[in-house]
Amino acid sequence: MTKPSKPWGYVAPGATKSERALKPQTLAVRGELTRTGFGETSEALFLNSGFTYPSAEAAEGAFAQTEQHHVYSRFSNPTVQMFEQRLALMEGAEAAIATGTGMAAMFTSVAAVVSQGDRVVISRAMFTSCFVVLTEFIPRWGIEVVVVDENSAEAWAKALSFKTKLVFIETPSNPLLEVLDIAMIAELAHKAGAMLIVDNVMATGLLQRPLELGADAVMYSATKHIDGQGRVLGGAILGSHQYINETVRLFARHTGPTMSPFNAWVLLKSLETYELRVNQMTTSAHYLASKLESTQGIKRVLYPHLESHPEFELAKKQMSAGGTTIAIELEGDKSAAFKVINALEVIDISNNLGDSRSLITHPATTTHYRLDAQTRAKLGISDSTLRLSVGLEDPEDLLEDLLIALKS
């Protein structure tokens, strides 16, 4: 059974709030550090599937949730619980639940709350798998899904002028980094009776705080940024105690989108360097975006904290920095795009992002190939669009790699 997390600004025992309100980087290392009787310095890894009870009465209490006791690792596990509670502390959420993958988190966050006859409103610009789940799978259950094509206050107001159960958005979007106004959409969603879920993968919880902007829940692919080293898959959903522990966890314990204890342990260790990595990657990404913007052979560069970005003012307002990802549209066609990425020697070709290694992909033929040409055109994804995820390499080496490839 999972207890609610401590609130943001957790104070160490024996200290006053004014003296010891811990910062995110400290929480990333020490938040909810639960030690066993052996007093280990690192987090303990519990690889067991089940748990024993001192008595039949204790087992009864565990299943009735009248006693704090782990029942089965599909339901909860000490290592996974430590990751959930630490992440919740860092985000300022009341509670969190970890899942096996980011898509498991996305699907679970929605499926746990919608029913036949409900109305769901979503943004057009988002990761393909999320879009497929919301526009192809969810409607099979008799749920109306409305897609907002235009990123404007008028379009969102029109879509949310009817009673709605749930709103799902991704901001910045993948791959063109469109920025949506979370506070505005949250206000409209709540007036329509809906809850707002934000996919915050591209920004990370370090650079954007959706819950503080009015969102009801936030979800992550922990594979990106949180692990950020190409090792394990994972996902997470964060929100209120009622939403996470009384709605989502009930759904998850029976449907089984469970995170493995080993992956949770790896992610706990990753959190220790999470802020350090994201800050460095973001600094490099901003530098590269500003340099590439005036480079011959590039039609446009999209990066939230560049003044040329269509939603620059909004991005500056709701994001503390521009993130680790850059969208690049080249002069030319698919052939030109392939020549550029094939000429790279430092940057790897991969459909992942948020990694310590810089990765580049051609969205039209990889991450967004599932969308038809018309839908890609609506999103602005051309055959010459590239998505660059900036890693921890020296930015000058990355810039040189890109410039040599462009000259090719």
Protein backbone atom coordinates (compact mmCIF):
# COMPACT_ATOMS: atom_id res chain seq x y z
CA MET A 1 0.00 0.00 0.00
CA THR A 2 1.41 3.37 -1.00
CA LYS A 3 1.12 6.31 1.34
CA PRO A 4 0.79 9.85 -0.04
CA SER A 5 4.08 11.64 -0.73
CA LYS A 6 5.26 14.51 1.40
CA PRO A 7 4.45 17.89 -0.15
CA TRP A 8 6.91 20.01 -2.11
CA GLY A 9 9.37 21.74 0.19
CA TYR A 10 9.80 18.71 2.47
CA VAL A 11 11.53 19.70 5.71
CA ALA A 12 14.02 17.36 7.33
CA PRO A 13 12.98 16.14 10.81
CA GLY A 14 14.02 18.50 13.59
CA ALA A 15 14.37 21.51 11.28
CA THR A 16 12.04 24.43 10.65
CA LYS A 17 10.61 25.11 7.19
CA SER A 18 12.42 28.43 6.89
CA GLU A 19 15.75 26.73 7.61
CA ARG A 20 15.61 23.52 5.62
CA ALA A 21 13.23 23.58 2.66
CA LEU A 22 15.13 21.21 0.40
CA LYS A 23 15.82 22.07 -3.25
CA PRO A 24 15.08 19.70 -6.18
CA GLN A 25 18.70 18.58 -6.59
CA THR A 26 18.90 17.63 -2.90
CA LEU A 27 15.58 15.81 -3.11
CA ALA A 28 16.87 13.99 -6.21
CA VAL A 29 19.62 12.48 -4.07
CA ARG A 30 17.96 12.15 -0.66
CA GLY A 31 14.19 12.41 -1.05
CA GLU A 32 12.27 9.46 0.44
CA LEU A 33 15.50 7.52 1.05
CA THR A 34 14.17 4.43 2.81
CA ARG A 35 16.93 2.31 4.36
CA THR A 36 16.67 -1.25 5.59
CA GLY A 37 18.10 -2.44 8.90
CA PHE A 38 21.48 -2.87 7.21
CA GLY A 39 21.89 0.91 6.86
CA GLU A 40 23.00 0.79 3.21
CA THR A 41 24.13 4.09 1.61
CA SER A 42 22.56 3.36 -1.78
CA GLU A 43 18.90 2.53 -2.30
CA ALA A 44 18.03 -1.10 -1.70
CA LEU A 45 16.94 -3.19 -4.69
CA PHE A 46 14.00 -5.49 -3.94
CA LEU A 47 13.77 -7.97 -6.83
CA ASN A 48 11.13 -10.14 -5.17
CA SER A 49 7.72 -10.71 -6.71
CA GLY A 50 5.82 -11.31 -3.48
CA PHE A 51 5.83 -10.64 0.27
CA THR A 52 5.09 -12.64 3.42
CA TYR A 53 2.89 -11.77 6.39
CA PRO A 54 3.38 -12.44 10.09
CA SER A 55 -0.22 -13.67 10.37
CA ALA A 56 -3.40 -14.32 8.42
CA GLU A 57 -4.86 -11.22 10.06
CA ALA A 58 -1.97 -9.13 8.69
CA ALA A 59 -2.58 -10.51 5.17
CA GLU A 60 -6.26 -9.61 5.48
CA GLY A 61 -5.35 -6.09 6.56
CA ALA A 62 -2.89 -5.68 3.72
CA PHE A 63 -5.48 -6.60 1.09
CA ALA A 64 -8.14 -4.47 2.76
CA GLN A 65 -5.56 -1.63 2.78
CA THR A 66 -6.06 -1.04 6.48
CA GLU A 67 -2.38 -1.85 7.07
CA GLN A 68 0.77 -0.51 5.37
CA HIS A 69 2.17 -3.67 3.81
CA HIS A 70 3.30 -4.57 0.29
CA VAL A 71 1.19 -7.33 -1.21
CA TYR A 72 2.64 -8.15 -4.62
CA SER A 73 5.15 -6.32 -6.82
CA ARG A 74 2.52 -5.81 -9.50
CA PHE A 75 0.71 -3.67 -6.93
CA SER A 76 3.66 -2.03 -5.17
CA ASN A 77 7.30 -2.67 -4.35
CA PRO A 78 9.66 -0.88 -1.92
CA THR A 79 12.16 0.13 -4.64
CA VAL A 80 9.46 1.27 -7.06
CA GLN A 81 7.67 3.11 -4.26
CA MET A 82 10.87 4.97 -3.39
CA PHE A 83 11.19 6.14 -7.01
CA GLU A 84 7.54 7.23 -7.10
CA GLN A 85 7.75 9.19 -3.87
CA ARG A 86 11.06 10.85 -4.75
CA LEU A 87 9.76 11.96 -8.14
CA ALA A 88 6.58 13.30 -6.55
CA LEU A 89 8.65 15.34 -4.10
CA MET A 90 10.68 16.85 -6.92
CA GLU A 91 7.57 17.71 -8.97
CA GLY A 92 5.53 19.08 -6.09
CA ALA A 93 2.85 16.43 -6.64
CA GLU A 94 0.83 14.76 -3.92
CA ALA A 95 1.49 11.32 -5.40
CA ALA A 96 3.01 9.43 -8.33
CA ILE A 97 2.79 5.99 -9.90
CA ALA A 98 5.53 4.39 -11.99
CA THR A 99 4.87 2.29 -15.09
CA GLY A 100 6.90 0.01 -17.32
CA THR A 101 7.15 2.47 -20.22
CA GLY A 102 6.21 6.02 -21.12
CA MET A 103 3.36 4.81 -23.32
CA ALA A 104 2.05 2.67 -20.46
CA ALA A 105 1.96 5.88 -18.40
CA MET A 106 0.20 7.78 -21.18
CA PHE A 107 -2.43 5.07 -21.79
CA THR A 108 -3.02 4.42 -18.09
CA SER A 109 -3.41 8.13 -17.28
CA VAL A 110 -6.29 8.34 -19.75
CA ALA A 111 -7.86 4.88 -19.62
CA ALA A 112 -8.22 4.98 -15.83
CA VAL A 113 -10.69 7.89 -16.00
CA VAL A 114 -12.67 7.69 -19.27
CA SER A 115 -15.83 5.71 -19.95
CA GLN A 116 -18.22 5.10 -22.83
CA GLY A 117 -20.00 8.30 -23.81
CA ASP A 118 -17.29 10.64 -22.51
CA ARG A 119 -15.81 13.46 -24.56
CA VAL A 120 -12.02 13.94 -24.78
CA VAL A 121 -10.24 16.96 -26.29
CA ILE A 122 -6.62 16.72 -27.46
CA SER A 123 -4.02 18.81 -29.26
CA ARG A 124 -3.07 17.85 -32.81
CA ALA A 125 0.66 18.20 -32.24
CA MET A 126 1.98 15.32 -30.15
CA PHE A 127 4.04 12.13 -30.28
CA THR A 128 2.61 9.68 -32.82
CA SER A 129 1.94 6.78 -30.45
CA CYS A 130 -0.02 9.09 -28.13
CA PHE A 131 -2.00 10.39 -31.11
CA VAL A 132 -2.76 6.84 -32.30
CA VAL A 133 -3.95 5.76 -28.86
CA LEU A 134 -6.22 8.79 -28.56
CA THR A 135 -7.63 8.87 -32.10
CA GLU A 136 -7.73 5.17 -33.03
CA PHE A 137 -7.93 3.04 -29.88
CA ILE A 138 -9.86 5.14 -27.36
CA PRO A 139 -12.76 5.88 -29.79
CA ARG A 140 -13.38 2.12 -30.08
CA TRP A 141 -14.79 2.31 -26.55
CA GLY A 142 -17.52 4.74 -27.58
CA ILE A 143 -15.59 7.85 -26.53
CA GLU A 144 -15.72 11.02 -28.60
CA VAL A 145 -12.25 12.47 -29.28
CA VAL A 146 -12.02 16.05 -30.55
CA VAL A 147 -8.71 17.18 -32.08
CA VAL A 148 -7.79 20.86 -31.83
CA ASP A 149 -5.90 21.63 -35.05
CA GLU A 150 -5.06 25.27 -34.40
CA ASN A 151 -2.97 26.42 -31.45
CA SER A 152 -5.03 29.48 -30.52
CA ALA A 153 -7.18 30.63 -27.62
CA GLU A 154 -10.19 30.77 -29.95
CA ALA A 155 -9.77 27.17 -31.12
CA TRP A 156 -9.39 25.87 -27.58
CA ALA A 157 -12.36 27.91 -26.34
CA LYS A 158 -14.53 26.49 -29.12
CA ALA A 159 -13.48 22.90 -28.45
CA LEU A 160 -14.06 23.31 -24.72
CA SER A 161 -17.42 25.06 -24.97
CA PHE A 162 -19.06 21.65 -24.42
CA LYS A 163 -19.01 19.36 -21.40
CA THR A 164 -15.76 17.38 -21.50
CA LYS A 165 -14.26 14.62 -19.37
CA LEU A 166 -10.57 14.95 -20.15
CA VAL A 167 -8.07 17.13 -22.02
CA PHE A 168 -4.69 15.71 -23.08
CA ILE A 169 -1.88 17.87 -24.45
CA GLU A 170 1.86 17.66 -25.09
CA THR A 171 3.93 20.84 -24.77
CA PRO A 172 6.42 21.44 -26.24
CA SER A 173 5.29 18.98 -28.89
CA ASN A 174 7.31 16.26 -30.55
CA PRO A 175 8.99 16.94 -32.97
CA LEU A 176 8.36 20.60 -33.89
CA LEU A 177 8.29 21.96 -30.32
CA GLU A 178 4.96 23.77 -30.56
CA VAL A 179 4.25 25.43 -27.20
CA LEU A 180 0.71 25.37 -25.76
CA ASP A 181 -0.58 27.71 -23.08
CA ILE A 182 -1.06 25.33 -20.13
CA ALA A 183 -2.68 27.87 -17.81
CA MET A 184 -5.19 29.00 -20.45
CA ILE A 185 -6.12 25.45 -21.46
CA ALA A 186 -6.39 24.39 -17.80
CA GLU A 187 -8.85 27.20 -17.08
CA LEU A 188 -10.99 26.31 -20.11
CA ALA A 189 -10.83 22.60 -19.30
CA HIS A 190 -11.98 23.11 -15.73
CA LYS A 191 -14.90 25.29 -16.88
CA ALA A 192 -15.93 22.41 -19.17
CA GLY A 193 -15.75 19.97 -16.25
CA ALA A 194 -12.60 18.30 -17.55
CA MET A 195 -9.28 17.36 -16.00
CA LEU A 196 -6.09 18.33 -17.86
CA ILE A 197 -3.22 15.88 -18.36
CA VAL A 198 0.07 17.24 -19.73
CA ASP A 199 2.74 15.15 -21.43
CA ASN A 200 5.81 16.98 -20.10
CA VAL A 201 8.49 14.77 -21.64
CA MET A 202 10.09 17.37 -23.90
CA ALA A 203 10.35 20.08 -21.22
CA THR A 204 11.02 17.85 -18.19
CA GLY A 205 9.80 18.72 -14.72
CA LEU A 206 12.97 20.73 -14.19
CA LEU A 207 12.16 23.32 -16.88
CA GLN A 208 8.35 23.35 -16.79
CA ARG A 209 5.94 22.77 -13.90
CA PRO A 210 2.48 21.95 -15.36
CA LEU A 211 0.91 21.26 -11.96
CA GLU A 212 1.77 24.81 -10.85
CA LEU A 213 0.21 26.15 -14.06
CA GLY A 214 -3.16 24.51 -13.41
CA ALA A 215 -2.78 21.01 -14.88
CA ASP A 216 -4.35 18.17 -12.90
CA ALA A 217 -1.81 15.53 -13.85
CA VAL A 218 1.49 15.18 -15.66
CA MET A 219 3.03 12.13 -17.33
CA TYR A 220 6.53 11.16 -18.42
CA SER A 221 8.48 8.66 -20.36
CA ALA A 222 11.17 8.17 -17.73
CA THR A 223 13.25 6.58 -20.49
CA LYS A 224 13.94 10.12 -21.67
CA HIS A 225 15.96 12.54 -19.49
CA ILE A 226 15.17 10.84 -16.16
CA ASP A 227 17.23 7.79 -17.11
CA GLY A 228 18.65 9.66 -20.07
CA GLN A 229 21.49 7.21 -20.56
CA GLY A 230 19.93 4.67 -22.88
CA ARG A 231 19.61 1.89 -20.30
CA VAL A 232 16.03 1.22 -19.18
CA LEU A 233 12.42 1.92 -20.08
CA GLY A 234 10.01 3.54 -17.65
CA GLY A 235 7.09 5.90 -17.23
CA ALA A 236 5.43 7.94 -14.51
CA ILE A 237 2.14 9.70 -13.80
CA LEU A 238 1.87 12.42 -11.15
CA GLY A 239 -1.10 14.24 -9.68
CA SER A 240 -3.37 14.45 -6.66
CA HIS A 241 -3.62 11.71 -4.04
CA GLN A 242 -7.20 11.06 -5.13
CA TYR A 243 -6.38 10.73 -8.84
CA ILE A 244 -3.21 8.65 -8.42
CA ASN A 245 -3.97 6.42 -5.45
CA GLU A 246 -7.75 6.09 -5.69
CA THR A 247 -8.21 6.02 -9.48
CA VAL A 248 -5.03 5.28 -11.45
CA ARG A 249 -3.48 2.83 -8.98
CA LEU A 250 -6.70 0.78 -8.79
CA PHE A 251 -6.73 0.55 -12.61
CA ALA A 252 -3.01 -0.25 -12.78
CA ARG A 253 -2.96 -2.97 -10.12
CA HIS A 254 -5.46 -4.99 -12.17
CA THR A 255 -4.19 -4.21 -15.69
CA GLY A 256 -0.49 -4.52 -14.82
CA PRO A 257 1.53 -1.72 -16.51
CA THR A 258 4.07 -2.24 -13.72
CA MET A 259 7.62 -0.89 -13.54
CA SER A 260 10.21 -3.52 -12.67
CA PRO A 261 12.11 -2.99 -9.38
CA PHE A 262 15.43 -3.12 -11.26
CA ASN A 263 14.38 -0.32 -13.62
CA ALA A 264 13.14 1.70 -10.65
CA TRP A 265 16.52 1.26 -8.96
CA VAL A 266 18.35 2.45 -12.09
CA LEU A 267 16.02 5.45 -12.35
CA LEU A 268 16.59 6.32 -8.68
CA LYS A 269 20.31 6.49 -9.37
CA SER A 270 19.61 8.50 -12.55
CA LEU A 271 17.68 11.11 -10.58
CA GLU A 272 20.91 12.00 -8.78
CA THR A 273 22.35 13.44 -12.00
CA TYR A 274 19.05 14.40 -13.65
CA GLU A 275 19.30 18.15 -13.07
CA LEU A 276 23.01 18.28 -13.89
CA ARG A 277 22.49 16.47 -17.19
CA VAL A 278 19.39 18.38 -18.30
CA ASN A 279 20.92 21.76 -17.49
CA GLN A 280 24.07 21.02 -19.50
CA MET A 281 22.15 19.52 -22.42
CA THR A 282 19.79 22.52 -22.47
CA THR A 283 22.66 25.01 -22.47
CA SER A 284 24.24 23.19 -25.41
CA ALA A 285 20.92 22.91 -27.28
CA HIS A 286 20.30 26.66 -27.00
CA TYR A 287 23.83 27.37 -28.24
CA LEU A 288 23.48 25.04 -31.23
CA ALA A 289 20.03 26.35 -32.14
CA SER A 290 21.29 29.93 -32.20
CA LYS A 291 24.26 28.95 -34.39
CA LEU A 292 22.28 26.77 -36.80
CA GLU A 293 19.63 29.43 -37.34
CA SER A 294 21.95 31.40 -39.63
CA THR A 295 23.63 28.40 -41.29
CA GLN A 296 23.44 27.91 -45.04
CA GLY A 297 21.33 24.96 -46.09
CA ILE A 298 18.90 25.29 -43.17
CA LYS A 299 15.44 26.64 -43.90
CA ARG A 300 14.36 27.12 -40.29
CA VAL A 301 15.26 26.16 -36.74
CA LEU A 302 12.60 25.69 -34.07
CA TYR A 303 13.67 26.02 -30.44
CA PRO A 304 11.32 27.41 -27.74
CA HIS A 305 13.77 29.98 -26.35
CA LEU A 306 14.83 31.40 -29.70
CA GLU A 307 13.14 34.72 -30.49
CA SER A 308 12.21 33.33 -33.92
CA HIS A 309 10.00 30.64 -32.34
CA PRO A 310 6.28 31.36 -32.97
CA GLU A 311 5.45 30.97 -29.25
CA PHE A 312 8.66 32.51 -27.90
CA GLU A 313 6.94 34.82 -25.38
CA LEU A 314 4.78 32.00 -24.03
CA ALA A 315 7.77 29.66 -23.85
CA LYS A 316 9.74 32.24 -21.85
CA LYS A 317 6.78 32.63 -19.51
CA GLN A 318 6.08 28.96 -18.73
CA MET A 319 9.49 27.33 -19.33
CA SER A 320 12.62 28.31 -17.42
CA ALA A 321 14.75 27.19 -20.39
CA GLY A 322 14.20 25.88 -23.91
CA GLY A 323 14.90 22.19 -23.41
CA THR A 324 17.27 19.67 -24.94
CA THR A 325 15.67 19.22 -28.37
CA ILE A 326 15.91 21.20 -31.62
CA ALA A 327 13.75 20.88 -34.75
CA ILE A 328 15.58 21.62 -38.00
CA GLU A 329 14.06 22.00 -41.46
CA LEU A 330 16.60 21.76 -44.24
CA GLU A 331 16.55 23.26 -47.70
CA GLY A 332 15.75 20.39 -50.05
CA ASP A 333 13.90 17.10 -49.77
CA LYS A 334 14.08 13.70 -48.08
CA SER A 335 17.20 12.82 -50.05
CA ALA A 336 19.00 15.91 -48.75
CA ALA A 337 17.93 15.13 -45.18
CA PHE A 338 19.23 11.56 -45.47
CA LYS A 339 22.56 12.77 -46.86
CA VAL A 340 23.03 15.11 -43.92
CA ILE A 341 22.27 12.58 -41.18
CA ASN A 342 24.30 9.86 -42.94
CA ALA A 343 27.32 12.20 -42.99
CA LEU A 344 27.31 12.75 -39.22
CA GLU A 345 30.18 11.13 -37.34
CA VAL A 346 29.63 12.21 -33.71
CA ILE A 347 25.82 12.37 -33.57
CA ASP A 348 24.01 9.01 -33.75
CA ILE A 349 20.91 8.25 -35.80
CA SER A 350 18.25 7.14 -33.31
CA ASN A 351 14.56 7.71 -32.65
CA ASN A 352 15.13 8.19 -28.91
CA LEU A 353 15.63 11.57 -27.22
CA GLY A 354 16.69 13.05 -23.90
CA ASP A 355 19.85 10.93 -23.88
CA SER A 356 23.38 11.77 -22.76
CA ARG A 357 24.43 11.03 -26.34
CA SER A 358 23.26 13.37 -29.08
CA LEU A 359 20.73 11.69 -31.34
CA ILE A 360 19.12 12.72 -34.62
CA THR A 361 16.13 11.31 -36.48
CA HIS A 362 14.02 11.93 -39.58
CA PRO A 363 10.48 12.10 -38.09
CA ALA A 364 8.56 11.58 -41.35
CA THR A 365 10.07 8.12 -41.79
CA THR A 366 10.57 7.12 -38.15
CA THR A 367 8.72 8.53 -35.13
CA HIS A 368 5.84 9.97 -37.19
CA TYR A 369 5.74 7.55 -40.15
CA ARG A 370 2.42 6.18 -38.85
CA LEU A 371 0.71 9.49 -39.73
CA ASP A 372 -0.42 10.02 -43.30
CA ALA A 373 1.16 12.73 -45.44
CA GLN A 374 -1.80 15.07 -44.98
CA THR A 375 -1.63 14.88 -41.18
CA ARG A 376 2.13 15.40 -41.22
CA ALA A 377 1.62 18.43 -43.45
CA LYS A 378 -0.89 19.86 -40.95
CA LEU A 379 1.70 19.44 -38.22
CA GLY A 380 4.40 21.06 -40.35
CA ILE A 381 6.53 17.90 -40.55
CA SER A 382 8.13 17.97 -44.00
CA ASP A 383 10.41 15.46 -45.72
CA SER A 384 13.35 17.69 -44.83
CA THR A 385 12.54 17.97 -41.10
CA LEU A 386 15.06 16.61 -38.61
CA ARG A 387 14.80 16.31 -34.81
CA LEU A 388 18.03 16.73 -32.89
CA SER A 389 18.26 15.65 -29.26
CA VAL A 390 21.35 17.29 -27.77
CA GLY A 391 23.48 15.28 -25.36
CA LEU A 392 26.45 15.87 -23.10
CA GLU A 393 29.19 16.08 -25.72
CA ASP A 394 31.16 19.31 -26.13
CA PRO A 395 28.84 21.64 -28.09
CA GLU A 396 31.69 22.75 -30.35
CA ASP A 397 32.23 19.14 -31.46
CA LEU A 398 28.50 18.81 -32.16
CA LEU A 399 28.42 22.06 -34.13
CA GLU A 400 31.42 21.02 -36.23
CA ASP A 401 29.81 17.64 -36.90
CA LEU A 402 26.62 19.32 -38.10
CA LEU A 403 28.38 21.92 -40.24
CA ILE A 404 30.54 19.30 -41.99
CA ALA A 405 27.45 17.16 -42.64
CA LEU A 406 25.54 20.15 -44.03
CA LYS A 407 28.40 20.94 -46.43
CA SER A 408 28.23 17.36 -47.70
